[in-house]
Protein backbone atom coordinates (compact mmCIF):
# COMPACT_ATOMS: atom_id res chain seq x y z
CA UNK A 1 -6.22 4.64 8.85
CA UNK A 2 -6.80 1.53 6.79
CA UNK A 3 -4.05 -0.28 4.89
CA UNK A 4 -3.73 -3.14 2.44
CA UNK A 5 -0.78 -4.68 0.57
CA UNK A 6 -1.31 -6.26 -2.85
CA UNK A 7 1.66 -7.67 -4.77
CA UNK A 8 4.08 -5.56 -2.75
CA UNK A 9 2.18 -2.28 -3.19
CA UNK A 10 0.89 -0.84 0.09
CA UNK A 11 -2.18 1.39 0.01
CA UNK A 12 -2.96 3.53 3.07
CA UNK A 13 -6.10 5.65 3.43
CA UNK A 14 -6.98 8.51 5.78
CA UNK A 15 -10.36 10.27 5.64
CA UNK A 16 -11.73 13.57 6.91
CA UNK A 17 -15.21 15.09 7.04
CA UNK A 18 -15.02 18.59 5.52
CA UNK A 19 -18.58 19.87 6.13
CA UNK A 20 -21.82 20.49 4.29
CA UNK A 21 -21.70 21.49 0.65
CA UNK A 22 -24.61 22.74 -1.45
CA UNK A 23 -24.92 21.34 -4.94
CA UNK A 24 -27.90 22.26 -7.13
CA UNK A 25 -29.91 23.15 -4.01
CA UNK A 26 -29.14 19.72 -2.50
CA UNK A 27 -27.39 19.41 0.85
CA UNK A 28 -24.34 17.17 0.41
CA UNK A 29 -21.69 15.95 2.86
CA UNK A 30 -18.13 16.58 1.71
CA UNK A 31 -15.36 14.14 2.64
CA UNK A 32 -11.69 14.26 1.73
CA UNK A 33 -9.46 11.22 1.55
CA UNK A 34 -5.72 10.88 1.41
CA UNK A 35 -4.24 7.90 -0.41
CA UNK A 36 -0.60 6.86 0.01
CA UNK A 37 0.79 4.34 -2.46
CA UNK A 38 4.05 2.73 -1.35
CA UNK A 39 6.11 0.53 -3.65
CA UNK A 40 7.57 -2.16 -1.38
CA UNK A 41 8.90 -4.21 -4.31
CA UNK A 42 12.31 -4.21 -6.02
CA UNK A 43 10.73 -3.15 -9.33
CA UNK A 44 9.61 0.16 -10.83
CA UNK A 45 5.81 0.41 -11.21
CA UNK A 46 3.35 2.91 -12.61
CA UNK A 47 -0.28 3.61 -11.74
CA UNK A 48 -2.27 3.66 -14.99
CA UNK A 49 -5.94 3.89 -13.98
CA UNK A 50 -8.41 3.46 -11.14
CA UNK A 51 -11.87 2.16 -10.39
CA UNK A 52 -13.88 3.30 -7.37
CA UNK A 53 -17.13 2.02 -5.90
CA UNK A 54 -18.72 4.71 -3.72
CA UNK A 55 -21.54 3.67 -1.40
CA UNK A 56 -23.96 6.00 0.34
CA UNK A 57 -26.13 4.88 3.28
CA UNK A 58 -29.15 5.95 1.22
CA UNK A 59 -28.47 2.79 -0.85
CA UNK A 60 -26.89 4.57 -3.77
CA UNK A 61 -23.77 3.22 -5.46
CA UNK A 62 -21.58 5.17 -7.86
CA UNK A 63 -18.83 3.71 -10.05
CA UNK A 64 -15.94 5.95 -11.06
CA UNK A 65 -13.34 4.84 -13.62
CA UNK A 66 -10.54 6.85 -15.16
CA UNK A 67 -6.92 7.26 -16.06
CA UNK A 68 -4.44 7.96 -13.29
CA UNK A 69 -5.31 9.84 -10.11
CA UNK A 70 -5.86 13.60 -9.78
CA UNK A 71 -4.47 14.11 -13.28
CA UNK A 72 -1.29 12.13 -12.58
CA UNK A 73 0.01 8.70 -13.64
CA UNK A 74 2.75 8.37 -11.04
CA UNK A 75 5.82 6.18 -11.47
CA UNK A 76 7.17 4.68 -8.25
CA UNK A 77 10.70 3.42 -7.91
CA UNK A 78 11.41 0.72 -5.26
CA UNK A 79 10.61 2.02 -1.74
CA UNK A 80 9.10 5.22 -3.11
CA UNK A 81 5.77 6.68 -1.90
CA UNK A 82 3.18 8.80 -3.65
CA UNK A 83 0.39 10.57 -1.75
CA UNK A 84 -2.60 12.42 -3.14
CA UNK A 85 -5.79 14.01 -1.83
CA UNK A 86 -9.23 13.81 -3.37
CA UNK A 87 -12.85 14.42 -2.35
CA UNK A 88 -16.20 12.68 -2.31
CA UNK A 89 -19.72 14.09 -1.95
CA UNK A 90 -22.42 11.96 -0.31
CA UNK A 91 -26.13 12.55 0.13
CA UNK A 92 -26.01 11.12 3.65
CA UNK A 93 -23.71 11.29 6.68
CA UNK A 94 -22.45 7.72 6.23
CA UNK A 95 -20.81 6.02 3.29
CA UNK A 96 -17.91 3.90 2.15
CA UNK A 97 -15.49 3.54 -0.72
CA UNK A 98 -13.37 0.75 -2.16
CA UNK A 99 -11.69 0.03 -5.44
CA UNK A 100 -8.46 -0.79 -7.20
CA UNK A 101 -5.61 0.68 -9.20
CA UNK A 102 -4.46 -0.80 -12.50
CA UNK A 103 -0.67 -0.76 -12.56
CA UNK A 104 2.21 -1.92 -14.71
CA UNK A 105 5.51 -3.39 -13.58
CA UNK A 106 8.18 -1.84 -15.83
CA UNK A 107 10.66 -4.66 -15.22
CA UNK A 108 8.39 -7.60 -16.10
CA UNK A 109 6.04 -5.56 -18.38
CA UNK A 110 3.10 -7.18 -16.57
CA UNK A 111 -0.14 -5.43 -15.68
CA UNK A 112 -1.71 -6.03 -12.26
CA UNK A 113 -4.44 -4.75 -9.96
CA UNK A 114 -3.79 -3.29 -6.52
CA UNK A 115 -6.75 -3.39 -4.15
CA UNK A 116 -7.73 -0.22 -2.33
CA UNK A 117 -9.06 -1.28 1.07
CA UNK A 118 -12.68 -0.45 1.88
CA UNK A 119 -12.91 2.62 4.10
CA UNK A 120 -15.73 4.43 5.87
CA UNK A 121 -16.85 8.01 5.38
CA UNK A 122 -18.68 9.20 8.52
CA UNK A 123 -19.71 12.49 10.02
CA UNK A 124 -18.40 12.38 13.61
CA UNK A 125 -21.80 12.95 15.30
CA UNK A 126 -23.26 9.83 13.61
CA UNK A 127 -20.84 7.60 15.51
CA UNK A 128 -22.32 8.38 18.98
């Protein structure tokens, strides 16, 4: 697990290799990742949008931007957690992801970015 705290918001990431997936006759490697967002501040915050950078060991980079996460724009009260699961397809057995969430603090009305720590996506047999 990797973790990072930005402005009192803790992001934790767990990953899992799910197996080979065929897409348009291409062999792809499917990974799932679980993100936990924990509000360690005394204020209410909301996740508005995200930006991901996805790296594949075949030197490809994909940028993903969008509103919310998995169709949600969660509001977190102080000390509340929100966890979601998503997936990523890579062309190779090794990759990485990093990014940030755009959030708003309801009490101060200020917008801020929360860094998502870089994490690895690896098929277990590539680590030996």
